[in-house]
C-alpha cells in the first residue's frame, strides 16, 4: 500500500504541476495577445503619423498662400490713401448737421515715419488737410463737438477763426481747420 500511496502522490504532484504549467502558459498567452494588440495599435498610429508629413506640407503651402494674400490686401488698402476720403466724408456730414458750409478741403502734405512693430516695420503716414468752413459760431461749436463721434484716427493741428468776408450775414465766421489723419502700411521685413 505504501507504493500505491507514493504513486498516487506522484500522480497528484504531476497533475498539480501540469495544472500550474497550464495556468502559467495561459497567463503568458494572454500577455502575448495583449502585447500583439498593442503592437498592432502602434503600427496603425505610426502609419497615421507618417501621413502627417503630407498634411504639414499642404498646410505650409496654404499658409504661404494666405500670407501672400494678406500682404496683397494690405498693400491694396492700407498702402493707399484710404483715410482722406473718410475724413472729407466725416467733415461734410458734421458740417451739414451743424449748419455750416464747407468752402474747401485740400491736402497739404504727407509725412512718413517707420515705426517698429514686433520684428517688422510699419510705415505711418500723417496726411495733413486744410478744411475751410463758413457759418455761425454756434454751428462751429456743434461741429467741434461732433468730432468725438468720428471713427477714424485724426489729430487737430490748428484752428483759425475770422469774421466772414464782405457780402455775408452779420455774425458769420470762417474757420480754417488743419487736421491730420493717419494711414498705416505694413512693410516687408526682408526689405
N, C-alpha and C. Protein backbone atom coordinates (compact mmCIF):
# COMPACT_ATOMS: atom_id res chain seq x y z
N UNK A 1 0.77 -1.15 0.00
CA UNK A 1 0.00 0.00 0.00
C UNK A 1 0.85 1.26 0.00
N UNK A 2 1.93 1.13 0.57
CA UNK A 2 2.82 2.24 0.63
C UNK A 2 3.23 2.68 -0.76
N UNK A 3 3.51 1.79 -1.65
CA UNK A 3 3.88 2.13 -3.01
C UNK A 3 2.69 2.72 -3.76
N UNK A 4 1.48 2.24 -3.40
CA UNK A 4 0.30 2.79 -4.02
C UNK A 4 0.11 4.26 -3.61
N UNK A 5 0.33 4.60 -2.40
CA UNK A 5 0.22 5.96 -1.89
C UNK A 5 1.29 6.83 -2.53
N UNK A 6 2.48 6.27 -2.66
CA UNK A 6 3.55 7.02 -3.30
C UNK A 6 3.20 7.33 -4.74
N UNK A 7 2.69 6.38 -5.44
CA UNK A 7 2.36 6.62 -6.84
C UNK A 7 1.16 7.56 -6.96
N UNK A 8 0.22 7.48 -6.04
CA UNK A 8 -0.91 8.39 -6.05
C UNK A 8 -0.45 9.83 -5.79
N UNK A 9 0.47 9.97 -4.89
CA UNK A 9 1.02 11.29 -4.59
C UNK A 9 1.84 11.79 -5.77
N UNK A 10 2.55 10.93 -6.41
CA UNK A 10 3.35 11.33 -7.57
C UNK A 10 2.43 11.79 -8.69
N UNK A 11 1.32 11.05 -8.88
CA UNK A 11 0.35 11.43 -9.92
C UNK A 11 -0.29 12.76 -9.56
N UNK A 12 -0.63 12.95 -8.27
CA UNK A 12 -1.25 14.22 -7.82
C UNK A 12 -0.28 15.37 -8.02
N UNK A 13 0.99 15.16 -7.68
CA UNK A 13 2.01 16.21 -7.88
C UNK A 13 2.20 16.49 -9.37
N UNK A 14 2.20 15.45 -10.17
CA UNK A 14 2.36 15.65 -11.62
C UNK A 14 1.16 16.40 -12.17
N UNK A 15 -0.04 16.04 -11.69
CA UNK A 15 -1.25 16.73 -12.12
C UNK A 15 -1.23 18.20 -11.68
N UNK A 16 -0.79 18.43 -10.47
CA UNK A 16 -0.67 19.78 -9.96
C UNK A 16 0.36 20.58 -10.77
N UNK A 17 1.45 19.95 -11.15
CA UNK A 17 2.47 20.62 -11.97
C UNK A 17 1.91 20.94 -13.36
N UNK A 18 1.16 19.99 -13.92
CA UNK A 18 0.57 20.22 -15.24
C UNK A 18 -0.44 21.36 -15.17
N UNK A 19 -1.27 21.40 -14.12
CA UNK A 19 -2.26 22.48 -13.95
C UNK A 19 -1.54 23.81 -13.77
N UNK A 20 -0.50 23.85 -12.94
CA UNK A 20 0.28 25.07 -12.71
C UNK A 20 0.93 25.56 -14.00
N UNK A 21 1.51 24.62 -14.76
CA UNK A 21 2.15 24.99 -16.02
C UNK A 21 1.10 25.49 -17.01
N UNK A 22 -0.09 24.86 -17.02
CA UNK A 22 -1.16 25.30 -17.91
C UNK A 22 -1.61 26.72 -17.57
N UNK A 23 -1.76 27.00 -16.26
CA UNK A 23 -2.15 28.36 -15.85
C UNK A 23 -1.06 29.37 -16.20
N UNK A 24 0.19 28.99 -16.00
CA UNK A 24 1.29 29.89 -16.32
C UNK A 24 1.33 30.18 -17.82
N UNK A 25 1.18 29.13 -18.64
CA UNK A 25 1.16 29.32 -20.09
C UNK A 25 -0.05 30.16 -20.53
N UNK A 26 -1.17 29.94 -19.85
CA UNK A 26 -2.37 30.72 -20.17
C UNK A 26 -2.12 32.21 -19.90
N UNK A 27 -1.52 32.52 -18.75
CA UNK A 27 -1.24 33.94 -18.43
C UNK A 27 -0.24 34.52 -19.43
N UNK A 28 0.73 33.73 -19.84
CA UNK A 28 1.70 34.19 -20.84
C UNK A 28 1.02 34.41 -22.19
N UNK A 29 0.08 33.54 -22.54
CA UNK A 29 -0.65 33.68 -23.80
C UNK A 29 -1.50 34.95 -23.78
N UNK A 30 -2.14 35.26 -22.65
CA UNK A 30 -2.93 36.49 -22.53
C UNK A 30 -2.01 37.72 -22.63
N UNK A 31 -0.86 37.67 -21.98
CA UNK A 31 0.09 38.78 -22.06
C UNK A 31 0.59 38.95 -23.48
N UNK A 32 0.87 37.84 -24.15
CA UNK A 32 1.34 37.89 -25.53
C UNK A 32 0.25 38.48 -26.44
N UNK A 33 -1.01 38.08 -26.23
CA UNK A 33 -2.10 38.61 -27.03
C UNK A 33 -2.26 40.12 -26.79
N UNK A 34 -2.10 40.55 -25.54
CA UNK A 34 -2.18 41.97 -25.21
C UNK A 34 -1.06 42.75 -25.87
N UNK A 35 0.14 42.22 -25.84
CA UNK A 35 1.29 42.86 -26.48
C UNK A 35 1.12 42.91 -28.00
N UNK A 36 0.55 41.88 -28.58
CA UNK A 36 0.31 41.84 -30.02
C UNK A 36 -0.71 42.92 -30.41
N UNK A 37 -1.76 43.07 -29.60
CA UNK A 37 -2.76 44.11 -29.88
C UNK A 37 -2.14 45.50 -29.74
N UNK A 38 -1.28 45.70 -28.74
CA UNK A 38 -0.60 46.98 -28.56
C UNK A 38 0.32 47.27 -29.74
N UNK A 39 1.04 46.24 -30.22
CA UNK A 39 1.90 46.40 -31.39
C UNK A 39 1.09 46.79 -32.61
N UNK A 40 -0.06 46.13 -32.82
CA UNK A 40 -0.91 46.45 -33.96
C UNK A 40 -1.44 47.88 -33.88
N UNK A 41 -1.84 48.32 -32.67
CA UNK A 41 -2.30 49.70 -32.49
C UNK A 41 -1.18 50.69 -32.80
N UNK A 42 0.03 50.38 -32.34
CA UNK A 42 1.17 51.26 -32.61
C UNK A 42 1.49 51.32 -34.10
N UNK A 43 1.35 50.19 -34.79
CA UNK A 43 1.59 50.18 -36.23
C UNK A 43 0.57 51.07 -36.94
N UNK A 44 -0.69 51.02 -36.53
CA UNK A 44 -1.72 51.86 -37.11
C UNK A 44 -1.42 53.32 -36.83
N UNK A 45 -1.02 53.64 -35.60
CA UNK A 45 -0.70 55.02 -35.24
C UNK A 45 0.51 55.53 -36.03
N UNK A 46 1.52 54.65 -36.22
CA UNK A 46 2.69 55.06 -37.00
C UNK A 46 2.32 55.33 -38.46
N UNK A 47 1.44 54.51 -39.00
CA UNK A 47 1.00 54.73 -40.38
C UNK A 47 0.26 56.07 -40.48
N UNK A 48 -0.56 56.37 -39.47
CA UNK A 48 -1.25 57.66 -39.47
C UNK A 48 -0.29 58.82 -39.30
N UNK A 49 0.72 58.65 -38.46
CA UNK A 49 1.69 59.72 -38.23
C UNK A 49 2.54 59.97 -39.47
N UNK A 50 2.78 58.95 -40.25
CA UNK A 50 3.56 59.13 -41.48
C UNK A 50 2.79 59.98 -42.49
N UNK A 51 1.48 59.99 -42.41
CA UNK A 51 0.70 60.83 -43.32
C UNK A 51 0.72 62.29 -42.88
N UNK A 52 1.14 62.58 -41.64
CA UNK A 52 1.20 63.97 -41.15
C UNK A 52 2.18 64.81 -41.96
N UNK A 53 3.25 64.21 -42.44
CA UNK A 53 4.22 65.00 -43.20
C UNK A 53 3.57 65.57 -44.47
N UNK A 54 2.72 64.78 -45.10
CA UNK A 54 1.99 65.28 -46.27
C UNK A 54 1.00 66.37 -45.89
N UNK A 55 0.32 66.19 -44.76
CA UNK A 55 -0.61 67.22 -44.29
C UNK A 55 0.13 68.49 -43.91
N UNK A 56 1.28 68.35 -43.26
CA UNK A 56 2.07 69.52 -42.88
C UNK A 56 2.53 70.29 -44.11
N UNK A 57 2.96 69.58 -45.13
CA UNK A 57 3.39 70.25 -46.36
C UNK A 57 2.22 71.00 -46.99
N UNK A 58 1.04 70.39 -46.98
CA UNK A 58 -0.15 71.03 -47.53
C UNK A 58 -0.50 72.28 -46.73
N UNK A 59 -0.44 72.18 -45.39
CA UNK A 59 -0.74 73.33 -44.54
C UNK A 59 0.29 74.44 -44.72
N UNK A 60 1.55 74.08 -44.92
CA UNK A 60 2.58 75.09 -45.13
C UNK A 60 2.32 75.85 -46.44
N UNK A 61 1.93 75.13 -47.49
CA UNK A 61 1.61 75.79 -48.76
C UNK A 61 0.42 76.73 -48.61
N UNK A 62 -0.61 76.27 -47.89
CA UNK A 62 -1.79 77.11 -47.68
C UNK A 62 -1.45 78.34 -46.85
N UNK A 63 -0.58 78.17 -45.84
CA UNK A 63 -0.17 79.29 -45.01
C UNK A 63 0.61 80.33 -45.81
N UNK A 64 1.53 79.86 -46.67
CA UNK A 64 2.28 80.77 -47.53
C UNK A 64 1.34 81.55 -48.46
N UNK A 65 0.35 80.84 -49.01
CA UNK A 65 -0.60 81.49 -49.91
C UNK A 65 -1.42 82.54 -49.15
N UNK A 66 -1.83 82.21 -47.93
CA UNK A 66 -2.61 83.17 -47.14
C UNK A 66 -1.77 84.38 -46.75
N UNK A 67 -0.50 84.17 -46.42
CA UNK A 67 0.38 85.30 -46.09
C UNK A 67 0.57 86.22 -47.30
N UNK A 68 0.71 85.62 -48.50
CA UNK A 68 0.81 86.44 -49.71
C UNK A 68 -0.48 87.24 -49.93
N UNK A 69 -1.63 86.59 -49.70
CA UNK A 69 -2.91 87.28 -49.86
C UNK A 69 -3.04 88.43 -48.87
N UNK A 70 -2.61 88.20 -47.63
CA UNK A 70 -2.69 89.25 -46.61
C UNK A 70 -1.82 90.43 -47.01
N UNK A 71 -0.61 90.16 -47.49
CA UNK A 71 0.27 91.25 -47.92
C UNK A 71 -0.33 92.00 -49.09
N UNK A 72 -0.92 91.27 -50.04
CA UNK A 72 -1.52 91.93 -51.20
C UNK A 72 -2.70 92.79 -50.78
N UNK A 73 -3.53 92.29 -49.87
CA UNK A 73 -4.68 93.07 -49.41
C UNK A 73 -4.20 94.29 -48.63
N UNK A 74 -3.17 94.11 -47.80
CA UNK A 74 -2.63 95.24 -47.03
C UNK A 74 -2.09 96.30 -47.96
N UNK A 75 -1.35 95.88 -48.98
CA UNK A 75 -0.81 96.86 -49.94
C UNK A 75 -1.94 97.56 -50.69
N UNK A 76 -2.99 96.81 -51.02
CA UNK A 76 -4.08 97.36 -51.80
C UNK A 76 -4.86 98.42 -51.03
N UNK A 77 -5.15 98.13 -49.75
CA UNK A 77 -5.99 99.05 -49.00
C UNK A 77 -5.20 99.99 -48.09
N UNK A 78 -4.30 99.43 -47.27
CA UNK A 78 -3.59 100.28 -46.32
C UNK A 78 -2.53 101.11 -47.01
N UNK A 79 -2.00 100.63 -48.12
CA UNK A 79 -0.97 101.39 -48.82
C UNK A 79 -1.53 102.59 -49.55
N UNK A 80 -2.82 102.62 -49.77
CA UNK A 80 -3.43 103.74 -50.45
C UNK A 80 -3.95 104.73 -49.41
N UNK A 81 -4.31 105.89 -49.88
CA UNK A 81 -4.80 106.94 -49.00
C UNK A 81 -6.29 106.71 -48.76
N UNK A 82 -6.60 105.79 -47.88
CA UNK A 82 -7.98 105.43 -47.59
C UNK A 82 -8.61 106.40 -46.60
N UNK A 83 -7.81 106.94 -45.69
CA UNK A 83 -8.33 107.76 -44.62
C UNK A 83 -8.80 109.14 -45.10
N UNK A 84 -8.16 109.71 -46.12
CA UNK A 84 -8.52 111.06 -46.59
C UNK A 84 -9.97 111.16 -47.05
N UNK A 85 -10.46 110.25 -47.90
CA UNK A 85 -11.88 110.33 -48.27
C UNK A 85 -12.81 110.15 -47.07
N UNK A 86 -12.38 109.32 -46.11
CA UNK A 86 -13.18 109.14 -44.90
C UNK A 86 -13.24 110.43 -44.10
N UNK A 87 -12.11 111.16 -44.07
CA UNK A 87 -12.07 112.43 -43.36
C UNK A 87 -13.00 113.44 -44.03
N UNK A 88 -12.93 113.57 -45.34
CA UNK A 88 -13.78 114.52 -46.06
C UNK A 88 -15.25 114.16 -45.86
N UNK A 89 -15.57 112.88 -45.90
CA UNK A 89 -16.95 112.43 -45.69
C UNK A 89 -17.42 112.81 -44.28
N UNK A 90 -16.57 112.60 -43.28
CA UNK A 90 -16.93 112.94 -41.91
C UNK A 90 -17.10 114.45 -41.74
N UNK A 91 -16.22 115.24 -42.39
CA UNK A 91 -16.32 116.71 -42.31
C UNK A 91 -17.63 117.18 -42.95
N UNK A 92 -17.94 116.68 -44.12
CA UNK A 92 -19.17 117.09 -44.83
C UNK A 92 -20.40 116.75 -43.99
N UNK A 93 -20.43 115.55 -43.42
CA UNK A 93 -21.57 115.13 -42.62
C UNK A 93 -21.70 116.01 -41.38
N UNK A 94 -20.59 116.21 -40.66
CA UNK A 94 -20.64 117.01 -39.43
C UNK A 94 -20.98 118.46 -39.73
N UNK A 95 -20.44 119.01 -40.85
CA UNK A 95 -20.71 120.40 -41.20
C UNK A 95 -22.18 120.59 -41.57
N UNK A 96 -22.76 119.64 -42.30
CA UNK A 96 -24.16 119.78 -42.70
C UNK A 96 -25.08 119.67 -41.49
N UNK A 97 -24.75 118.79 -40.54
CA UNK A 97 -25.56 118.67 -39.32
C UNK A 97 -25.46 119.95 -38.49
N UNK A 98 -24.26 120.57 -38.46
CA UNK A 98 -24.05 121.78 -37.67
C UNK A 98 -24.53 123.03 -38.37
N UNK A 99 -24.93 122.93 -39.63
CA UNK A 99 -25.41 124.09 -40.37
C UNK A 99 -24.29 124.95 -40.93
N UNK A 100 -23.14 124.36 -41.18
CA UNK A 100 -22.00 125.08 -41.74
C UNK A 100 -21.87 124.75 -43.22
N UNK A 101 -21.21 125.63 -43.94
CA UNK A 101 -20.93 125.40 -45.36
C UNK A 101 -19.43 125.13 -45.49
N UNK A 102 -19.08 124.03 -46.18
CA UNK A 102 -17.67 123.74 -46.40
C UNK A 102 -17.23 124.48 -47.67
N UNK A 103 -16.29 125.39 -47.48
CA UNK A 103 -15.81 126.19 -48.60
C UNK A 103 -14.78 125.41 -49.41
N UNK A 104 -13.83 124.78 -48.71
CA UNK A 104 -12.81 124.00 -49.42
C UNK A 104 -12.21 122.95 -48.49
N UNK A 105 -11.60 121.97 -49.13
CA UNK A 105 -10.86 120.92 -48.42
C UNK A 105 -9.69 120.54 -49.32
N UNK A 106 -8.49 120.63 -48.78
CA UNK A 106 -7.32 120.30 -49.62
C UNK A 106 -6.25 119.62 -48.78
N UNK A 107 -5.49 118.75 -49.45
CA UNK A 107 -4.36 118.09 -48.80
C UNK A 107 -3.19 119.06 -48.76
N UNK A 108 -2.50 119.08 -47.65
CA UNK A 108 -1.35 119.97 -47.50
C UNK A 108 -0.04 119.21 -47.77
N UNK A 109 0.24 118.22 -46.94
CA UNK A 109 1.46 117.44 -47.13
C UNK A 109 1.29 116.07 -46.51
N UNK A 110 2.28 115.23 -46.75
CA UNK A 110 2.26 113.86 -46.23
C UNK A 110 3.63 113.58 -45.64
N UNK A 111 3.65 113.24 -44.36
CA UNK A 111 4.90 112.89 -43.69
C UNK A 111 4.85 111.39 -43.38
N UNK A 112 5.98 110.73 -43.52
CA UNK A 112 6.03 109.29 -43.29
C UNK A 112 7.12 108.97 -42.30
N UNK A 113 6.78 108.13 -41.33
CA UNK A 113 7.74 107.64 -40.34
C UNK A 113 7.63 106.13 -40.29
N UNK A 114 8.77 105.45 -40.04
CA UNK A 114 8.76 103.99 -39.87
C UNK A 114 8.70 103.69 -38.38
N UNK A 115 7.77 102.87 -37.99
CA UNK A 115 7.58 102.51 -36.59
C UNK A 115 7.90 101.03 -36.41
N UNK A 116 8.71 100.63 -35.40
CA UNK A 116 8.97 99.21 -35.17
C UNK A 116 7.76 98.55 -34.52
N UNK A 117 7.32 97.41 -35.11
CA UNK A 117 6.18 96.68 -34.57
C UNK A 117 6.51 95.19 -34.58
N UNK A 118 6.90 94.62 -33.47
CA UNK A 118 7.14 93.18 -33.28
C UNK A 118 7.95 92.55 -34.41
N UNK A 119 9.15 92.99 -34.60
CA UNK A 119 10.03 92.38 -35.58
C UNK A 119 9.83 92.87 -37.00
N UNK A 120 8.81 93.63 -37.25
CA UNK A 120 8.56 94.19 -38.57
C UNK A 120 8.53 95.70 -38.43
N UNK A 121 8.59 96.36 -39.54
CA UNK A 121 8.43 97.80 -39.52
C UNK A 121 7.08 98.15 -40.09
N UNK A 122 6.47 99.16 -39.54
CA UNK A 122 5.20 99.63 -40.06
C UNK A 122 5.37 101.11 -40.38
N UNK A 123 4.98 101.46 -41.59
CA UNK A 123 5.12 102.84 -42.02
C UNK A 123 3.83 103.57 -41.69
N UNK A 124 3.95 104.69 -40.97
CA UNK A 124 2.79 105.51 -40.64
C UNK A 124 2.89 106.82 -41.39
N UNK A 125 1.89 107.12 -42.17
CA UNK A 125 1.85 108.38 -42.90
C UNK A 125 0.87 109.32 -42.21
N UNK A 126 1.29 110.56 -42.05
CA UNK A 126 0.44 111.60 -41.48
C UNK A 126 0.07 112.53 -42.62
N UNK A 127 -1.20 112.51 -43.01
CA UNK A 127 -1.67 113.29 -44.14
C UNK A 127 -2.42 114.50 -43.58
N UNK A 128 -1.90 115.68 -43.88
CA UNK A 128 -2.48 116.91 -43.35
C UNK A 128 -3.47 117.50 -44.36
N UNK A 129 -4.62 117.94 -43.85
CA UNK A 129 -5.68 118.54 -44.67
C UNK A 129 -6.04 119.90 -44.11
N UNK A 130 -6.32 120.83 -45.02
CA UNK A 130 -6.83 122.14 -44.62
C UNK A 130 -8.30 122.19 -45.01
N UNK A 131 -9.16 122.44 -44.02
CA UNK A 131 -10.60 122.48 -44.24
C UNK A 131 -11.07 123.89 -43.89
N UNK A 132 -11.83 124.50 -44.80
CA UNK A 132 -12.39 125.83 -44.55
C UNK A 132 -13.91 125.71 -44.46
N UNK A 133 -14.46 126.25 -43.37
CA UNK A 133 -15.90 126.22 -43.12
C UNK A 133 -16.40 127.63 -42.93
N UNK A 134 -17.69 127.85 -43.27
CA UNK A 134 -18.30 129.16 -43.08
C UNK A 134 -19.68 128.95 -42.48
N UNK A 135 -20.01 129.81 -41.50
CA UNK A 135 -21.32 129.72 -40.87
C UNK A 135 -21.33 130.43 -39.54
N UNK A 136 -22.34 130.13 -38.73
CA UNK A 136 -22.49 130.75 -37.42
C UNK A 136 -21.52 130.12 -36.42
N UNK A 137 -21.18 130.91 -35.38
CA UNK A 137 -20.27 130.42 -34.35
C UNK A 137 -20.87 129.21 -33.63
N UNK A 138 -22.17 129.22 -33.38
CA UNK A 138 -22.82 128.08 -32.71
C UNK A 138 -22.72 126.83 -33.58
N UNK A 139 -22.78 127.00 -34.90
CA UNK A 139 -22.59 125.85 -35.80
C UNK A 139 -21.18 125.29 -35.69
N UNK A 140 -20.18 126.17 -35.52
CA UNK A 140 -18.81 125.71 -35.36
C UNK A 140 -18.65 124.94 -34.06
N UNK A 141 -19.33 125.39 -33.01
CA UNK A 141 -19.28 124.68 -31.72
C UNK A 141 -19.88 123.28 -31.89
N UNK A 142 -21.04 123.17 -32.57
CA UNK A 142 -21.65 121.86 -32.83
C UNK A 142 -20.72 120.98 -33.65
N UNK A 143 -20.06 121.57 -34.65
CA UNK A 143 -19.10 120.83 -35.49
C UNK A 143 -17.97 120.27 -34.63
N UNK A 144 -17.42 121.11 -33.76
CA UNK A 144 -16.30 120.67 -32.90
C UNK A 144 -16.75 119.55 -31.96
N UNK A 145 -17.98 119.62 -31.47
CA UNK A 145 -18.49 118.57 -30.60
C UNK A 145 -18.68 117.25 -31.36
N UNK A 146 -19.03 117.35 -32.63
CA UNK A 146 -19.25 116.12 -33.42
C UNK A 146 -17.93 115.42 -33.78
N UNK A 147 -16.80 116.08 -33.60
CA UNK A 147 -15.51 115.44 -33.90
C UNK A 147 -15.29 114.18 -33.06
N UNK A 148 -15.86 114.16 -31.87
CA UNK A 148 -15.69 113.00 -30.98
C UNK A 148 -16.38 111.75 -31.51
N UNK A 149 -17.35 111.91 -32.40
CA UNK A 149 -18.10 110.77 -32.94
C UNK A 149 -17.44 110.14 -34.16
N UNK A 150 -16.36 110.72 -34.64
CA UNK A 150 -15.71 110.19 -35.84
C UNK A 150 -15.03 108.87 -35.54
N UNK A 151 -15.07 107.96 -36.51
CA UNK A 151 -14.46 106.63 -36.36
C UNK A 151 -13.11 106.52 -37.04
N UNK A 152 -12.36 107.57 -37.10
CA UNK A 152 -11.03 107.48 -37.71
C UNK A 152 -10.04 108.24 -36.84
N UNK A 153 -8.79 107.83 -36.95
CA UNK A 153 -7.74 108.46 -36.16
C UNK A 153 -7.33 109.77 -36.80
N UNK A 154 -7.44 110.84 -36.06
CA UNK A 154 -7.07 112.15 -36.57
C UNK A 154 -6.43 112.96 -35.45
N UNK A 155 -5.80 114.02 -35.83
CA UNK A 155 -5.22 114.96 -34.88
C UNK A 155 -5.50 116.37 -35.40
N UNK A 156 -6.01 117.23 -34.53
CA UNK A 156 -6.25 118.61 -34.93
C UNK A 156 -4.95 119.38 -34.72
N UNK A 157 -4.42 119.89 -35.81
CA UNK A 157 -3.16 120.63 -35.75
C UNK A 157 -3.39 122.08 -35.33
N UNK A 158 -4.39 122.72 -35.96
CA UNK A 158 -4.69 124.12 -35.61
C UNK A 158 -6.08 124.49 -36.09
N UNK A 159 -6.58 125.58 -35.54
CA UNK A 159 -7.86 126.14 -35.98
C UNK A 159 -7.73 127.67 -35.93
N UNK A 160 -8.20 128.32 -36.97
CA UNK A 160 -8.16 129.78 -37.05
C UNK A 160 -9.57 130.25 -37.39
N UNK A 161 -10.09 131.16 -36.56
CA UNK A 161 -11.45 131.66 -36.75
C UNK A 161 -11.37 133.16 -37.02
N UNK A 162 -11.99 133.58 -38.13
CA UNK A 162 -12.01 135.00 -38.51
C UNK A 162 -13.43 135.37 -38.92
N UNK A 163 -13.78 136.68 -38.82
CA UNK A 163 -15.10 137.09 -39.32
C UNK A 163 -15.17 136.83 -40.82
N UNK A 164 -16.37 136.47 -41.29
CA UNK A 164 -16.55 136.20 -42.72
C UNK A 164 -16.34 137.47 -43.52
N UNK A 165 -16.02 137.30 -44.78
CA UNK A 165 -15.74 138.43 -45.67
C UNK A 165 -16.98 139.25 -45.96
N UNK A 166 -16.84 140.21 -46.86
CA UNK A 166 -17.93 141.12 -47.21
C UNK A 166 -19.05 140.37 -47.94
N UNK A 167 -20.27 140.93 -47.84
CA UNK A 167 -21.41 140.38 -48.57
C UNK A 167 -22.04 139.18 -47.89
N UNK A 168 -21.75 138.94 -46.63
CA UNK A 168 -22.36 137.82 -45.91
C UNK A 168 -23.14 138.37 -44.73
N UNK A 169 -23.90 137.52 -44.12
CA UNK A 169 -24.71 137.95 -42.97
C UNK A 169 -23.81 138.30 -41.79
N UNK A 170 -24.33 139.19 -40.97
CA UNK A 170 -23.57 139.60 -39.80
C UNK A 170 -23.50 138.43 -38.82
N UNK A 171 -22.39 138.25 -38.18
CA UNK A 171 -22.20 137.17 -37.20
C UNK A 171 -21.64 135.89 -37.80
N UNK A 172 -21.49 135.84 -39.12
CA UNK A 172 -20.92 134.65 -39.73
C UNK A 172 -19.41 134.68 -39.58
N UNK A 173 -18.84 133.48 -39.47
CA UNK A 173 -17.39 133.36 -39.32
C UNK A 173 -16.86 132.39 -40.37
N UNK A 174 -15.56 132.47 -40.59
CA UNK A 174 -14.87 131.49 -41.41
C UNK A 174 -13.84 130.81 -40.52
N UNK A 175 -13.82 129.49 -40.56
CA UNK A 175 -12.88 128.73 -39.75
C UNK A 175 -11.99 127.91 -40.67
N UNK A 176 -10.69 128.02 -40.43
CA UNK A 176 -9.72 127.20 -41.16
C UNK A 176 -9.16 126.18 -40.18
N UNK A 177 -9.44 124.92 -40.45
CA UNK A 177 -9.04 123.84 -39.54
C UNK A 177 -7.99 122.99 -40.25
N UNK A 178 -6.90 122.74 -39.57
CA UNK A 178 -5.86 121.86 -40.09
C UNK A 178 -5.95 120.55 -39.32
N UNK A 179 -6.28 119.46 -40.03
CA UNK A 179 -6.42 118.12 -39.44
C UNK A 179 -5.43 117.17 -40.10
N UNK A 180 -4.89 116.27 -39.31
CA UNK A 180 -4.02 115.21 -39.84
C UNK A 180 -4.70 113.87 -39.59
N UNK A 181 -4.70 113.01 -40.60
CA UNK A 181 -5.19 111.63 -40.43
C UNK A 181 -4.01 110.70 -40.57
N UNK A 182 -4.15 109.51 -40.03
CA UNK A 182 -3.06 108.54 -40.01
C UNK A 182 -3.36 107.41 -40.96
N UNK A 183 -2.37 107.01 -41.73
CA UNK A 183 -2.50 105.92 -42.66
C UNK A 183 -1.35 104.95 -42.39
N UNK A 184 -1.65 103.65 -42.25
CA UNK A 184 -0.63 102.65 -41.94
C UNK A 184 -0.39 101.75 -43.13
N UNK A 185 0.87 101.36 -43.33
CA UNK A 185 1.22 100.43 -44.40
C UNK A 185 2.25 99.47 -43.83
N UNK A 186 2.02 98.16 -43.98
CA UNK A 186 2.94 97.14 -43.48
C UNK A 186 4.08 96.97 -44.46
N UNK A 187 5.30 97.04 -43.96
CA UNK A 187 6.47 96.88 -44.82
C UNK A 187 7.01 95.46 -44.67
N UNK A 188 7.62 94.94 -45.71
CA UNK A 188 8.23 93.62 -45.62
C UNK A 188 9.46 93.70 -44.74
N UNK A 189 9.66 92.71 -43.88
CA UNK A 189 10.82 92.68 -43.00
C UNK A 189 12.10 92.37 -43.79
N UNK A 190 11.94 91.81 -45.01
CA UNK A 190 13.11 91.44 -45.79
C UNK A 190 13.72 92.63 -46.51
N UNK A 191 12.96 93.71 -46.70
CA UNK A 191 13.46 94.87 -47.45
C UNK A 191 14.31 95.74 -46.59
